[in-house]
Amino acid sequence: SLQIQHKKKKNTNESLMKKLHRVKNIISSSLNEQYSVKEL
């Protein structure tokens, strides 16, 4: 109950580590695209 209530109330910003892994995921999941560093 607490986790769901807390999620409703607050959306926290992504940390640097999460952003780095999200970039890694973007590259791995869309190999047919070649994104520039600026786009990422």
All heavy atoms as atom14 arrays in JSON, in Angstrom:
{
  "sequence": "SLQIQHKKKKNTNESLMKKLHRVKNIISSSLNEQYSVKEL",
  "atom14_mask": [
    [1, 1, 1, 1, 1, 1, 0, 0, 0, 0, 0, 0, 0, 0],
    [1, 1, 1, 1, 1, 1, 1, 1, 0, 0, 0, 0, 0, 0],
    [1, 1, 1, 1, 1, 1, 1, 1, 1, 0, 0, 0, 0, 0],
    [1, 1, 1, 1, 1, 1, 1, 1, 0, 0, 0, 0, 0, 0],
    [1, 1, 1, 1, 1, 1, 1, 1, 1, 0, 0, 0, 0, 0],
    [1, 1, 1, 1, 1, 1, 1, 1, 1, 1, 0, 0, 0, 0],
    [1, 1, 1, 1, 1, 1, 1, 1, 1, 0, 0, 0, 0, 0],
    [1, 1, 1, 1, 1, 1, 1, 1, 1, 0, 0, 0, 0, 0],
    [1, 1, 1, 1, 1, 1, 1, 1, 1, 0, 0, 0, 0, 0],
    [1, 1, 1, 1, 1, 1, 1, 1, 1, 0, 0, 0, 0, 0],
    [1, 1, 1, 1, 1, 1, 1, 1, 0, 0, 0, 0, 0, 0],
    [1, 1, 1, 1, 1, 1, 1, 0, 0, 0, 0, 0, 0, 0],
    [1, 1, 1, 1, 1, 1, 1, 1, 0, 0, 0, 0, 0, 0],
    [1, 1, 1, 1, 1, 1, 1, 1, 1, 0, 0, 0, 0, 0],
    [1, 1, 1, 1, 1, 1, 0, 0, 0, 0, 0, 0, 0, 0],
    [1, 1, 1, 1, 1, 1, 1, 1, 0, 0, 0, 0, 0, 0],
    [1, 1, 1, 1, 1, 1, 1, 1, 0, 0, 0, 0, 0, 0],
    [1, 1, 1, 1, 1, 1, 1, 1, 1, 0, 0, 0, 0, 0],
    [1, 1, 1, 1, 1, 1, 1, 1, 1, 0, 0, 0, 0, 0],
    [1, 1, 1, 1, 1, 1, 1, 1, 0, 0, 0, 0, 0, 0],
    [1, 1, 1, 1, 1, 1, 1, 1, 1, 1, 0, 0, 0, 0],
    [1, 1, 1, 1, 1, 1, 1, 1, 1, 1, 1, 0, 0, 0],
    [1, 1, 1, 1, 1, 1, 1, 0, 0, 0, 0, 0, 0, 0],
    [1, 1, 1, 1, 1, 1, 1, 1, 1, 0, 0, 0, 0, 0],
    [1, 1, 1, 1, 1, 1, 1, 1, 0, 0, 0, 0, 0, 0],
    [1, 1, 1, 1, 1, 1, 1, 1, 0, 0, 0, 0, 0, 0],
    [1, 1, 1, 1, 1, 1, 1, 1, 0, 0, 0, 0, 0, 0],
    [1, 1, 1, 1, 1, 1, 0, 0, 0, 0, 0, 0, 0, 0],
    [1, 1, 1, 1, 1, 1, 0, 0, 0, 0, 0, 0, 0, 0],
    [1, 1, 1, 1, 1, 1, 0, 0, 0, 0, 0, 0, 0, 0],
    [1, 1, 1, 1, 1, 1, 1, 1, 0, 0, 0, 0, 0, 0],
    [1, 1, 1, 1, 1, 1, 1, 1, 0, 0, 0, 0, 0, 0],
    [1, 1, 1, 1, 1, 1, 1, 1, 1, 0, 0, 0, 0, 0],
    [1, 1, 1, 1, 1, 1, 1, 1, 1, 0, 0, 0, 0, 0],
    [1, 1, 1, 1, 1, 1, 1, 1, 1, 1, 1, 1, 0, 0],
    [1, 1, 1, 1, 1, 1, 0, 0, 0, 0, 0, 0, 0, 0],
    [1, 1, 1, 1, 1, 1, 1, 0, 0, 0, 0, 0, 0, 0],
    [1, 1, 1, 1, 1, 1, 1, 1, 1, 0, 0, 0, 0, 0],
    [1, 1, 1, 1, 1, 1, 1, 1, 1, 0, 0, 0, 0, 0],
    [1, 1, 1, 1, 1, 1, 1, 1, 0, 0, 0, 0, 0, 0]
  ],
  "atom14_positions": [
    [[0.82, -1.21, 0.0], [0.0, 0.0, 0.0], [0.86, 1.26, 0.0], [0.61, 2.21, -0.75], [-0.91, -0.01, 1.24], [-1.65, 1.18, 1.33], [0.0, 0.0, 0.0], [0.0, 0.0, 0.0], [0.0, 0.0, 0.0], [0.0, 0.0, 0.0], [0.0, 0.0, 0.0], [0.0, 0.0, 0.0], [0.0, 0.0, 0.0], [0.0, 0.0, 0.0]],
    [[1.91, 1.27, 0.82], [2.78, 2.44, 0.91], [3.47, 2.76, -0.41], [3.59, 3.92, -0.81], [3.84, 2.23, 1.99], [3.46, 2.57, 3.43], [4.55, 2.12, 4.37], [3.22, 4.07, 3.56], [0.0, 0.0, 0.0], [0.0, 0.0, 0.0], [0.0, 0.0, 0.0], [0.0, 0.0, 0.0], [0.0, 0.0, 0.0], [0.0, 0.0, 0.0]],
    [[3.98, 1.71, -1.09], [4.72, 1.96, -2.33], [3.83, 2.57, -3.39], [4.24, 3.47, -4.13], [5.35, 0.65, -2.85], [6.33, -0.01, -1.91], [7.2, 0.98, -1.15], [7.94, 1.77, -1.74], [7.13, 0.95, 0.17], [0.0, 0.0, 0.0], [0.0, 0.0, 0.0], [0.0, 0.0, 0.0], [0.0, 0.0, 0.0], [0.0, 0.0, 0.0]],
    [[2.6, 2.09, -3.49], [1.68, 2.63, -4.48], [1.28, 4.06, -4.14], [1.27, 4.95, -4.99], [0.43, 1.74, -4.61], [0.84, 0.37, -5.15], [-0.61, 2.38, -5.53], [-0.26, -0.66, -5.16], [0.0, 0.0, 0.0], [0.0, 0.0, 0.0], [0.0, 0.0, 0.0], [0.0, 0.0, 0.0], [0.0, 0.0, 0.0], [0.0, 0.0, 0.0]],
    [[0.98, 4.32, -2.86], [0.63, 5.68, -2.44], [1.78, 6.64, -2.69], [1.58, 7.77, -3.16], [0.27, 5.68, -0.96], [-1.05, 5.0, -0.62], [-1.31, 4.98, 0.87], [-0.95, 5.91, 1.59], [-1.91, 3.91, 1.35], [0.0, 0.0, 0.0], [0.0, 0.0, 0.0], [0.0, 0.0, 0.0], [0.0, 0.0, 0.0], [0.0, 0.0, 0.0]],
    [[2.99, 6.21, -2.37], [4.17, 7.07, -2.54], [4.41, 7.36, -4.01], [4.79, 8.46, -4.39], [5.38, 6.4, -1.9], [6.57, 7.29, -1.8], [6.55, 8.49, -1.12], [7.84, 7.17, -2.29], [7.73, 9.06, -1.19], [8.53, 8.28, -1.89], [0.0, 0.0, 0.0], [0.0, 0.0, 0.0], [0.0, 0.0, 0.0], [0.0, 0.0, 0.0]],
    [[4.18, 6.36, -4.86], [4.37, 6.54, -6.3], [3.36, 7.54, -6.85], [3.69, 8.35, -7.71], [4.21, 5.19, -7.01], [4.59, 5.23, -8.49], [6.08, 5.4, -8.67], [6.49, 5.29, -10.13], [7.93, 5.44, -10.31], [0.0, 0.0, 0.0], [0.0, 0.0, 0.0], [0.0, 0.0, 0.0], [0.0, 0.0, 0.0], [0.0, 0.0, 0.0]],
    [[2.15, 7.52, -6.32], [1.13, 8.47, -6.76], [1.52, 9.91, -6.42], [1.29, 10.83, -7.2], [-0.2, 8.16, -6.07], [-0.98, 6.99, -6.64], [-2.3, 6.87, -5.89], [-3.16, 5.76, -6.46], [-4.44, 5.65, -5.73], [0.0, 0.0, 0.0], [0.0, 0.0, 0.0], [0.0, 0.0, 0.0], [0.0, 0.0, 0.0], [0.0, 0.0, 0.0]],
    [[2.09, 10.08, -5.23], [2.36, 11.42, -4.73], [3.6, 12.05, -5.33], [3.69, 13.25, -5.49], [2.53, 11.37, -3.2], [1.25, 11.06, -2.45], [1.54, 10.99, -0.96], [0.29, 10.62, -0.18], [0.57, 10.48, 1.27], [0.0, 0.0, 0.0], [0.0, 0.0, 0.0], [0.0, 0.0, 0.0], [0.0, 0.0, 0.0], [0.0, 0.0, 0.0]],
    [[4.58, 11.22, -5.68], [5.9, 11.79, -5.99], [6.55, 11.07, -7.14], [6.69, 9.86, -7.14], [6.79, 11.68, -4.75], [8.13, 12.38, -4.88], [8.9, 12.29, -3.58], [10.26, 12.96, -3.67], [11.02, 12.87, -2.42], [0.0, 0.0, 0.0], [0.0, 0.0, 0.0], [0.0, 0.0, 0.0], [0.0, 0.0, 0.0], [0.0, 0.0, 0.0]],
    [[6.93, 11.83, -8.16], [7.73, 11.29, -9.26], [9.14, 11.85, -9.15], [9.38, 13.03, -9.38], [7.13, 11.69, -10.62], [5.81, 10.97, -10.87], [5.7, 9.78, -10.61], [4.82, 11.7, -11.35], [0.0, 0.0, 0.0], [0.0, 0.0, 0.0], [0.0, 0.0, 0.0], [0.0, 0.0, 0.0], [0.0, 0.0, 0.0], [0.0, 0.0, 0.0]],
    [[10.06, 11.04, -8.74], [11.43, 11.52, -8.52], [12.2, 11.61, -9.83], [11.91, 10.89, -10.79], [12.18, 10.57, -7.58], [12.12, 9.24, -8.11], [11.53, 10.56, -6.21], [0.0, 0.0, 0.0], [0.0, 0.0, 0.0], [0.0, 0.0, 0.0], [0.0, 0.0, 0.0], [0.0, 0.0, 0.0], [0.0, 0.0, 0.0], [0.0, 0.0, 0.0]],
    [[13.17, 12.49, -9.89], [14.0, 12.62, -11.07], [14.93, 11.43, -11.2], [15.38, 10.86, -10.21], [14.83, 13.92, -10.99], [13.96, 15.15, -11.05], [12.95, 15.16, -11.75], [14.35, 16.18, -10.32], [0.0, 0.0, 0.0], [0.0, 0.0, 0.0], [0.0, 0.0, 0.0], [0.0, 0.0, 0.0], [0.0, 0.0, 0.0], [0.0, 0.0, 0.0]],
    [[15.25, 11.09, -12.44], [16.18, 9.99, -12.68], [17.58, 10.37, -12.23], [18.03, 11.49, -12.43], [16.24, 9.67, -14.18], [15.18, 8.71, -14.65], [15.47, 8.26, -16.07], [15.82, 9.11, -16.91], [15.34, 7.06, -16.34], [0.0, 0.0, 0.0], [0.0, 0.0, 0.0], [0.0, 0.0, 0.0], [0.0, 0.0, 0.0], [0.0, 0.0, 0.0]],
    [[18.27, 9.43, -11.63], [19.66, 9.65, -11.25], [20.55, 9.53, -12.48], [20.11, 9.05, -13.54], [20.09, 8.61, -10.21], [20.13, 7.33, -10.8], [0.0, 0.0, 0.0], [0.0, 0.0, 0.0], [0.0, 0.0, 0.0], [0.0, 0.0, 0.0], [0.0, 0.0, 0.0], [0.0, 0.0, 0.0], [0.0, 0.0, 0.0], [0.0, 0.0, 0.0]],
    [[21.79, 9.94, -12.32], [22.75, 9.83, -13.42], [22.92, 8.38, -13.86], [22.92, 8.07, -15.06], [24.11, 10.4, -12.98], [25.28, 10.21, -13.96], [24.99, 10.9, -15.28], [26.58, 10.72, -13.34], [0.0, 0.0, 0.0], [0.0, 0.0, 0.0], [0.0, 0.0, 0.0], [0.0, 0.0, 0.0], [0.0, 0.0, 0.0], [0.0, 0.0, 0.0]],
    [[23.03, 7.46, -12.89], [23.22, 6.04, -13.23], [22.04, 5.5, -14.03], [22.21, 4.76, -15.0], [23.41, 5.23, -11.95], [23.7, 3.76, -12.19], [25.28, 3.45, -13.03], [26.44, 3.8, -11.71], [0.0, 0.0, 0.0], [0.0, 0.0, 0.0], [0.0, 0.0, 0.0], [0.0, 0.0, 0.0], [0.0, 0.0, 0.0], [0.0, 0.0, 0.0]],
    [[20.83, 5.89, -13.66], [19.65, 5.44, -14.39], [19.66, 5.98, -15.82], [19.28, 5.29, -16.77], [18.38, 5.86, -13.66], [18.12, 5.08, -12.39], [16.78, 5.47, -11.78], [16.55, 4.76, -10.46], [16.38, 3.32, -10.61], [0.0, 0.0, 0.0], [0.0, 0.0, 0.0], [0.0, 0.0, 0.0], [0.0, 0.0, 0.0], [0.0, 0.0, 0.0]],
    [[20.07, 7.21, -15.97], [20.12, 7.81, -17.32], [21.15, 7.1, -18.19], [20.91, 6.86, -19.39], [20.44, 9.3, -17.22], [19.3, 10.12, -16.65], [19.62, 11.61, -16.64], [18.44, 12.41, -16.12], [18.68, 13.87, -16.19], [0.0, 0.0, 0.0], [0.0, 0.0, 0.0], [0.0, 0.0, 0.0], [0.0, 0.0, 0.0], [0.0, 0.0, 0.0]],
    [[22.28, 6.74, -17.61], [23.32, 6.03, -18.37], [22.81, 4.67, -18.84], [23.02, 4.27, -19.99], [24.58, 5.87, -17.53], [25.31, 7.15, -17.15], [26.46, 6.84, -16.21], [25.84, 7.88, -18.38], [0.0, 0.0, 0.0], [0.0, 0.0, 0.0], [0.0, 0.0, 0.0], [0.0, 0.0, 0.0], [0.0, 0.0, 0.0], [0.0, 0.0, 0.0]],
    [[22.13, 3.96, -17.96], [21.58, 2.66, -18.34], [20.45, 2.81, -19.34], [20.25, 1.95, -20.19], [21.11, 1.89, -17.1], [22.23, 1.16, -16.41], [22.55, -0.14, -16.69], [23.1, 1.57, -15.46], [23.57, -0.51, -15.94], [23.93, 0.5, -15.18], [0.0, 0.0, 0.0], [0.0, 0.0, 0.0], [0.0, 0.0, 0.0], [0.0, 0.0, 0.0]],
    [[19.71, 3.92, -19.26], [18.65, 4.14, -20.24], [19.25, 4.38, -21.62], [18.72, 3.89, -22.62], [17.76, 5.32, -19.82], [16.52, 5.47, -20.69], [15.34, 5.95, -19.87], [15.47, 7.31, -19.45], [15.03, 8.36, -20.16], [14.45, 8.17, -21.33], [15.17, 9.57, -19.69], [0.0, 0.0, 0.0], [0.0, 0.0, 0.0], [0.0, 0.0, 0.0]],
    [[20.36, 5.1, -21.69], [21.05, 5.29, -22.97], [21.51, 3.94, -23.51], [21.35, 3.63, -24.7], [22.25, 6.25, -22.81], [23.16, 6.2, -24.04], [21.76, 7.68, -22.59], [0.0, 0.0, 0.0], [0.0, 0.0, 0.0], [0.0, 0.0, 0.0], [0.0, 0.0, 0.0], [0.0, 0.0, 0.0], [0.0, 0.0, 0.0], [0.0, 0.0, 0.0]],
    [[22.09, 3.12, -22.64], [22.53, 1.78, -23.04], [21.36, 0.97, -23.58], [21.48, 0.28, -24.61], [23.17, 1.09, -21.83], [23.72, -0.3, -22.09], [24.48, -0.76, -20.85], [24.97, -2.2, -20.99], [23.91, -3.17, -20.71], [0.0, 0.0, 0.0], [0.0, 0.0, 0.0], [0.0, 0.0, 0.0], [0.0, 0.0, 0.0], [0.0, 0.0, 0.0]],
    [[20.21, 1.05, -22.92], [19.02, 0.32, -23.37], [18.52, 0.83, -24.71], [18.09, 0.05, -25.56], [17.91, 0.45, -22.33], [18.21, -0.29, -21.04], [19.0, -1.23, -21.04], [17.62, 0.14, -19.95], [0.0, 0.0, 0.0], [0.0, 0.0, 0.0], [0.0, 0.0, 0.0], [0.0, 0.0, 0.0], [0.0, 0.0, 0.0], [0.0, 0.0, 0.0]],
    [[18.56, 2.16, -24.9], [18.1, 2.76, -26.16], [18.94, 2.23, -27.32], [18.42, 1.83, -28.37], [18.18, 4.3, -26.1], [17.11, 4.85, -25.16], [18.0, 4.9, -27.5], [17.27, 6.33, -24.84], [0.0, 0.0, 0.0], [0.0, 0.0, 0.0], [0.0, 0.0, 0.0], [0.0, 0.0, 0.0], [0.0, 0.0, 0.0], [0.0, 0.0, 0.0]],
    [[20.26, 2.2, -27.13], [21.16, 1.72, -28.19], [20.9, 0.25, -28.48], [20.74, -0.16, -29.63], [22.63, 1.93, -27.78], [22.94, 3.42, -27.65], [23.57, 1.29, -28.81], [24.29, 3.72, -27.02], [0.0, 0.0, 0.0], [0.0, 0.0, 0.0], [0.0, 0.0, 0.0], [0.0, 0.0, 0.0], [0.0, 0.0, 0.0], [0.0, 0.0, 0.0]],
    [[20.83, -0.57, -27.42], [20.68, -2.02, -27.59], [19.35, -2.42, -28.22], [19.27, -3.4, -28.94], [20.82, -2.73, -26.24], [22.11, -2.51, -25.72], [0.0, 0.0, 0.0], [0.0, 0.0, 0.0], [0.0, 0.0, 0.0], [0.0, 0.0, 0.0], [0.0, 0.0, 0.0], [0.0, 0.0, 0.0], [0.0, 0.0, 0.0], [0.0, 0.0, 0.0]],
    [[18.3, -1.65, -27.91], [16.97, -2.02, -28.38], [16.6, -1.4, -29.73], [15.53, -1.68, -30.26], [15.92, -1.62, -27.34], [15.92, -0.22, -27.14], [0.0, 0.0, 0.0], [0.0, 0.0, 0.0], [0.0, 0.0, 0.0], [0.0, 0.0, 0.0], [0.0, 0.0, 0.0], [0.0, 0.0, 0.0], [0.0, 0.0, 0.0], [0.0, 0.0, 0.0]],
    [[17.45, -0.57, -30.28], [17.15, 0.06, -31.58], [18.41, 0.1, -32.45], [18.87, 1.17, -32.83], [16.57, 1.46, -31.38], [17.42, 2.24, -30.56], [0.0, 0.0, 0.0], [0.0, 0.0, 0.0], [0.0, 0.0, 0.0], [0.0, 0.0, 0.0], [0.0, 0.0, 0.0], [0.0, 0.0, 0.0], [0.0, 0.0, 0.0], [0.0, 0.0, 0.0]],
    [[18.96, -1.07, -32.73], [20.21, -1.16, -33.48], [20.07, -0.73, -34.93], [21.06, -0.47, -35.61], [20.76, -2.59, -33.41], [21.18, -3.07, -32.01], [21.61, -4.52, -32.05], [22.29, -2.19, -31.44], [0.0, 0.0, 0.0], [0.0, 0.0, 0.0], [0.0, 0.0, 0.0], [0.0, 0.0, 0.0], [0.0, 0.0, 0.0], [0.0, 0.0, 0.0]],
    [[18.83, -0.67, -35.41], [18.62, -0.21, -36.79], [18.75, 1.31, -36.9], [18.77, 1.86, -38.0], [17.25, -0.64, -37.3], [16.12, -0.1, -36.45], [16.22, -0.04, -35.23], [15.03, 0.31, -37.08], [0.0, 0.0, 0.0], [0.0, 0.0, 0.0], [0.0, 0.0, 0.0], [0.0, 0.0, 0.0], [0.0, 0.0, 0.0], [0.0, 0.0, 0.0]],
    [[18.85, 1.98, -35.77], [19.05, 3.43, -35.74], [20.45, 3.73, -35.21], [20.93, 3.06, -34.31], [18.02, 4.1, -34.83], [16.58, 3.91, -35.25], [16.2, 4.76, -36.44], [16.93, 5.73, -36.74], [15.18, 4.44, -37.08], [0.0, 0.0, 0.0], [0.0, 0.0, 0.0], [0.0, 0.0, 0.0], [0.0, 0.0, 0.0], [0.0, 0.0, 0.0]],
    [[21.07, 4.75, -35.76], [22.38, 5.17, -35.24], [22.24, 6.58, -34.68], [22.32, 7.57, -35.4], [23.45, 5.11, -36.34], [23.72, 3.71, -36.84], [25.18, 3.51, -37.23], [26.08, 4.14, -36.71], [25.42, 2.59, -38.17], [0.0, 0.0, 0.0], [0.0, 0.0, 0.0], [0.0, 0.0, 0.0], [0.0, 0.0, 0.0], [0.0, 0.0, 0.0]],
    [[22.01, 6.65, -33.38], [21.81, 7.93, -32.73], [23.14, 8.62, -32.46], [24.12, 7.98, -32.07], [21.08, 7.76, -31.39], [19.66, 7.26, -31.51], [19.33, 5.96, -31.13], [18.66, 8.08, -32.0], [18.02, 5.49, -31.22], [17.35, 7.63, -32.1], [17.04, 6.34, -31.72], [15.75, 5.88, -31.81], [0.0, 0.0, 0.0], [0.0, 0.0, 0.0]],
    [[23.15, 9.92, -32.62], [24.32, 10.7, -32.25], [24.32, 10.91, -30.75], [23.29, 10.74, -30.07], [24.31, 12.06, -32.96], [23.25, 12.86, -32.47], [0.0, 0.0, 0.0], [0.0, 0.0, 0.0], [0.0, 0.0, 0.0], [0.0, 0.0, 0.0], [0.0, 0.0, 0.0], [0.0, 0.0, 0.0], [0.0, 0.0, 0.0], [0.0, 0.0, 0.0]],
    [[25.47, 11.29, -30.2], [25.55, 11.56, -28.76], [24.59, 12.7, -28.4], [23.93, 12.66, -27.35], [26.99, 11.93, -28.36], [27.05, 12.4, -26.91], [27.93, 10.74, -28.56], [0.0, 0.0, 0.0], [0.0, 0.0, 0.0], [0.0, 0.0, 0.0], [0.0, 0.0, 0.0], [0.0, 0.0, 0.0], [0.0, 0.0, 0.0], [0.0, 0.0, 0.0]],
    [[24.48, 13.67, -29.28], [23.59, 14.81, -29.02], [22.14, 14.35, -28.92], [21.38, 14.79, -28.05], [23.75, 15.84, -30.12], [23.22, 17.22, -29.76], [23.73, 18.26, -30.73], [23.39, 19.65, -30.23], [23.92, 20.7, -31.11], [0.0, 0.0, 0.0], [0.0, 0.0, 0.0], [0.0, 0.0, 0.0], [0.0, 0.0, 0.0], [0.0, 0.0, 0.0]],
    [[21.73, 13.45, -29.83], [20.36, 12.93, -29.8], [20.1, 12.14, -28.53], [19.03, 12.26, -27.92], [20.11, 12.06, -31.04], [20.02, 12.84, -32.34], [19.98, 11.94, -33.56], [20.65, 10.88, -33.55], [19.28, 12.29, -34.53], [0.0, 0.0, 0.0], [0.0, 0.0, 0.0], [0.0, 0.0, 0.0], [0.0, 0.0, 0.0], [0.0, 0.0, 0.0]],
    [[21.07, 11.31, -28.13], [20.91, 10.53, -26.91], [20.85, 11.44, -25.68], [20.08, 11.19, -24.74], [22.06, 9.53, -26.77], [22.09, 8.4, -27.8], [23.42, 7.66, -27.74], [20.93, 7.43, -27.56], [0.0, 0.0, 0.0], [0.0, 0.0, 0.0], [0.0, 0.0, 0.0], [0.0, 0.0, 0.0], [0.0, 0.0, 0.0], [0.0, 0.0, 0.0]]
  ]
}
